[in-house]
Amino acid sequence: MSTVTLAEAKAHLSHLLDQVEAGEEMVITRRGQPVARISPVEKPKHAIKSLVEFRSRMPRWRKSSAELLREMRDEGL
């Protein structure tokens, strides 16, 4: 984990983001005190393919969602 001052972060933000994107974490300090940590965003663990498979297994409704909502509203649910 690297530490950079606020002034360095402002001057080299694009470069810092390249490093973070490569997996490195950064701590930004102001007057010697840590104030922020920048870390890479975790990518989704499941591929889109698995989402397509999940949707294909879901039952098909014979009614539209609007009709189902109206029925639920009318039944007091």
N, C-alpha and C. Protein backbone atom coordinates (compact mmCIF):
# COMPACT_ATOMS: atom_id res chain seq x y z
N MET A 1 0.86 -1.16 0.00
CA MET A 1 0.00 0.00 0.00
C MET A 1 0.90 1.23 0.00
N SER A 2 0.67 2.10 -0.97
CA SER A 2 1.47 3.32 -1.09
C SER A 2 0.77 4.49 -0.41
N THR A 3 1.57 5.46 -0.01
CA THR A 3 1.04 6.67 0.60
C THR A 3 1.46 7.86 -0.25
N VAL A 4 0.51 8.74 -0.53
CA VAL A 4 0.80 9.95 -1.30
C VAL A 4 0.14 11.13 -0.59
N THR A 5 0.74 12.30 -0.77
CA THR A 5 0.15 13.50 -0.19
C THR A 5 -1.01 13.96 -1.07
N LEU A 6 -1.82 14.82 -0.51
CA LEU A 6 -2.95 15.35 -1.25
C LEU A 6 -2.47 16.10 -2.49
N ALA A 7 -1.41 16.87 -2.35
CA ALA A 7 -0.88 17.63 -3.48
C ALA A 7 -0.42 16.69 -4.59
N GLU A 8 0.26 15.60 -4.23
CA GLU A 8 0.70 14.62 -5.23
C GLU A 8 -0.50 13.95 -5.89
N ALA A 9 -1.49 13.62 -5.11
CA ALA A 9 -2.69 12.97 -5.66
C ALA A 9 -3.39 13.89 -6.66
N LYS A 10 -3.49 15.18 -6.33
CA LYS A 10 -4.14 16.12 -7.24
C LYS A 10 -3.33 16.27 -8.53
N ALA A 11 -2.01 16.29 -8.41
CA ALA A 11 -1.16 16.50 -9.58
C ALA A 11 -1.04 15.27 -10.46
N HIS A 12 -1.19 14.08 -9.88
CA HIS A 12 -0.95 12.84 -10.63
C HIS A 12 -2.11 11.85 -10.50
N LEU A 13 -3.33 12.35 -10.46
CA LEU A 13 -4.48 11.48 -10.24
C LEU A 13 -4.59 10.39 -11.29
N SER A 14 -4.41 10.72 -12.54
CA SER A 14 -4.53 9.73 -13.61
C SER A 14 -3.52 8.60 -13.43
N HIS A 15 -2.29 8.94 -13.08
CA HIS A 15 -1.26 7.93 -12.85
C HIS A 15 -1.61 7.06 -11.63
N LEU A 16 -2.11 7.70 -10.57
CA LEU A 16 -2.50 6.95 -9.37
C LEU A 16 -3.62 5.97 -9.68
N LEU A 17 -4.59 6.42 -10.48
CA LEU A 17 -5.68 5.52 -10.85
C LEU A 17 -5.20 4.35 -11.69
N ASP A 18 -4.19 4.58 -12.53
CA ASP A 18 -3.60 3.46 -13.28
C ASP A 18 -3.02 2.42 -12.33
N GLN A 19 -2.33 2.89 -11.30
CA GLN A 19 -1.75 1.97 -10.32
C GLN A 19 -2.83 1.23 -9.54
N VAL A 20 -3.89 1.94 -9.17
CA VAL A 20 -4.99 1.31 -8.44
C VAL A 20 -5.68 0.28 -9.32
N GLU A 21 -5.86 0.61 -10.58
CA GLU A 21 -6.48 -0.32 -11.52
C GLU A 21 -5.65 -1.59 -11.66
N ALA A 22 -4.34 -1.45 -11.49
CA ALA A 22 -3.44 -2.61 -11.55
C ALA A 22 -3.46 -3.43 -10.28
N GLY A 23 -4.22 -2.97 -9.25
CA GLY A 23 -4.36 -3.76 -8.04
C GLY A 23 -3.75 -3.16 -6.78
N GLU A 24 -3.07 -2.04 -6.90
CA GLU A 24 -2.41 -1.43 -5.74
C GLU A 24 -3.39 -0.53 -4.98
N GLU A 25 -3.26 -0.48 -3.66
CA GLU A 25 -4.06 0.42 -2.84
C GLU A 25 -3.22 1.65 -2.52
N MET A 26 -3.89 2.79 -2.43
CA MET A 26 -3.23 4.05 -2.12
C MET A 26 -3.89 4.69 -0.91
N VAL A 27 -3.08 5.33 -0.08
CA VAL A 27 -3.59 6.14 1.03
C VAL A 27 -3.18 7.58 0.74
N ILE A 28 -4.16 8.48 0.83
CA ILE A 28 -3.89 9.89 0.60
C ILE A 28 -3.84 10.57 1.98
N THR A 29 -2.80 11.36 2.16
CA THR A 29 -2.62 12.05 3.45
C THR A 29 -2.77 13.55 3.27
N ARG A 30 -3.21 14.20 4.34
CA ARG A 30 -3.28 15.66 4.40
C ARG A 30 -2.56 16.06 5.67
N ARG A 31 -1.53 16.86 5.50
CA ARG A 31 -0.70 17.30 6.64
C ARG A 31 -0.19 16.11 7.45
N GLY A 32 0.17 15.04 6.75
CA GLY A 32 0.75 13.87 7.40
C GLY A 32 -0.25 12.89 7.98
N GLN A 33 -1.54 13.21 7.94
CA GLN A 33 -2.57 12.33 8.50
C GLN A 33 -3.33 11.64 7.37
N PRO A 34 -3.52 10.32 7.44
CA PRO A 34 -4.28 9.63 6.40
C PRO A 34 -5.74 10.09 6.40
N VAL A 35 -6.26 10.41 5.22
CA VAL A 35 -7.65 10.86 5.11
C VAL A 35 -8.49 10.02 4.16
N ALA A 36 -7.84 9.29 3.26
CA ALA A 36 -8.60 8.49 2.30
C ALA A 36 -7.77 7.31 1.82
N ARG A 37 -8.49 6.26 1.46
CA ARG A 37 -7.84 5.09 0.86
C ARG A 37 -8.51 4.84 -0.48
N ILE A 38 -7.72 4.65 -1.49
CA ILE A 38 -8.24 4.32 -2.82
C ILE A 38 -7.86 2.86 -3.08
N SER A 39 -8.87 2.06 -3.40
CA SER A 39 -8.62 0.65 -3.68
C SER A 39 -9.38 0.25 -4.94
N PRO A 40 -8.91 -0.79 -5.61
CA PRO A 40 -9.58 -1.22 -6.83
C PRO A 40 -10.98 -1.76 -6.53
N VAL A 41 -11.87 -1.57 -7.48
CA VAL A 41 -13.23 -2.09 -7.36
C VAL A 41 -13.20 -3.56 -7.75
N GLU A 42 -13.88 -4.37 -6.94
CA GLU A 42 -13.92 -5.80 -7.25
C GLU A 42 -14.84 -6.04 -8.43
N LYS A 43 -14.38 -6.85 -9.33
CA LYS A 43 -15.18 -7.19 -10.50
C LYS A 43 -16.19 -8.26 -10.12
N PRO A 44 -17.34 -8.31 -10.79
CA PRO A 44 -18.33 -9.34 -10.48
C PRO A 44 -17.73 -10.74 -10.59
N LYS A 45 -18.13 -11.60 -9.67
CA LYS A 45 -17.58 -12.96 -9.65
C LYS A 45 -18.24 -13.87 -10.68
N HIS A 46 -19.49 -13.56 -11.03
CA HIS A 46 -20.22 -14.41 -11.96
C HIS A 46 -20.21 -13.79 -13.34
N ALA A 47 -20.00 -14.62 -14.31
CA ALA A 47 -20.02 -14.14 -15.68
C ALA A 47 -21.46 -13.90 -16.13
N ILE A 48 -21.60 -13.13 -17.15
CA ILE A 48 -22.93 -12.84 -17.69
C ILE A 48 -23.59 -14.14 -18.14
N LYS A 49 -22.81 -15.07 -18.59
CA LYS A 49 -23.36 -16.34 -19.05
C LYS A 49 -24.18 -17.00 -17.94
N SER A 50 -23.69 -16.95 -16.71
CA SER A 50 -24.42 -17.60 -15.63
C SER A 50 -25.74 -16.88 -15.35
N LEU A 51 -25.79 -15.56 -15.56
CA LEU A 51 -27.03 -14.82 -15.39
C LEU A 51 -28.05 -15.23 -16.46
N VAL A 52 -27.58 -15.42 -17.66
CA VAL A 52 -28.46 -15.87 -18.74
C VAL A 52 -29.01 -17.25 -18.41
N GLU A 53 -28.16 -18.12 -17.90
CA GLU A 53 -28.62 -19.46 -17.51
C GLU A 53 -29.66 -19.38 -16.40
N PHE A 54 -29.43 -18.51 -15.42
CA PHE A 54 -30.37 -18.35 -14.32
C PHE A 54 -31.72 -17.88 -14.83
N ARG A 55 -31.71 -16.89 -15.71
CA ARG A 55 -32.97 -16.37 -16.24
C ARG A 55 -33.70 -17.43 -17.06
N SER A 56 -32.97 -18.28 -17.75
CA SER A 56 -33.63 -19.29 -18.59
C SER A 56 -34.34 -20.34 -17.73
N ARG A 57 -33.92 -20.50 -16.49
CA ARG A 57 -34.55 -21.48 -15.60
C ARG A 57 -35.78 -20.93 -14.88
N MET A 58 -35.94 -19.62 -14.92
CA MET A 58 -37.08 -19.02 -14.23
C MET A 58 -38.37 -19.33 -14.99
N PRO A 59 -39.47 -19.56 -14.25
CA PRO A 59 -40.72 -19.88 -14.93
C PRO A 59 -41.25 -18.66 -15.70
N ARG A 60 -41.91 -18.94 -16.78
CA ARG A 60 -42.53 -17.88 -17.57
C ARG A 60 -43.92 -17.59 -17.02
N TRP A 61 -44.23 -16.33 -16.83
CA TRP A 61 -45.55 -15.95 -16.36
C TRP A 61 -46.46 -15.80 -17.55
N ARG A 62 -47.67 -16.21 -17.38
CA ARG A 62 -48.63 -16.07 -18.47
C ARG A 62 -49.28 -14.69 -18.48
N LYS A 63 -49.11 -13.98 -17.40
CA LYS A 63 -49.67 -12.64 -17.30
C LYS A 63 -48.52 -11.63 -17.26
N SER A 64 -48.83 -10.42 -17.68
CA SER A 64 -47.81 -9.38 -17.61
C SER A 64 -47.60 -8.97 -16.16
N SER A 65 -46.49 -8.34 -15.90
CA SER A 65 -46.21 -7.90 -14.54
C SER A 65 -47.24 -6.87 -14.08
N ALA A 66 -47.73 -6.05 -15.00
CA ALA A 66 -48.75 -5.06 -14.64
C ALA A 66 -50.02 -5.76 -14.17
N GLU A 67 -50.40 -6.82 -14.85
CA GLU A 67 -51.60 -7.57 -14.44
C GLU A 67 -51.40 -8.22 -13.07
N LEU A 68 -50.23 -8.79 -12.85
CA LEU A 68 -49.95 -9.41 -11.56
C LEU A 68 -49.99 -8.38 -10.43
N LEU A 69 -49.43 -7.20 -10.67
CA LEU A 69 -49.44 -6.15 -9.65
C LEU A 69 -50.87 -5.68 -9.35
N ARG A 70 -51.68 -5.54 -10.39
CA ARG A 70 -53.08 -5.14 -10.18
C ARG A 70 -53.80 -6.17 -9.34
N GLU A 71 -53.58 -7.45 -9.64
CA GLU A 71 -54.24 -8.52 -8.86
C GLU A 71 -53.80 -8.46 -7.41
N MET A 72 -52.51 -8.28 -7.18
CA MET A 72 -52.00 -8.21 -5.81
C MET A 72 -52.60 -7.01 -5.08
N ARG A 73 -52.70 -5.88 -5.77
CA ARG A 73 -53.28 -4.68 -5.18
C ARG A 73 -54.74 -4.94 -4.82
N ASP A 74 -55.48 -5.54 -5.73
CA ASP A 74 -56.90 -5.78 -5.50
C ASP A 74 -57.15 -6.80 -4.41
N GLU A 75 -56.20 -7.73 -4.22
CA GLU A 75 -56.34 -8.74 -3.17
C GLU A 75 -55.87 -8.20 -1.81
N GLY A 76 -55.29 -7.01 -1.82
CA GLY A 76 -54.85 -6.41 -0.56
C GLY A 76 -53.49 -6.88 -0.09
N LEU A 77 -52.67 -7.40 -0.98
CA LEU A 77 -51.33 -7.87 -0.59
C LEU A 77 -50.34 -6.75 -0.61
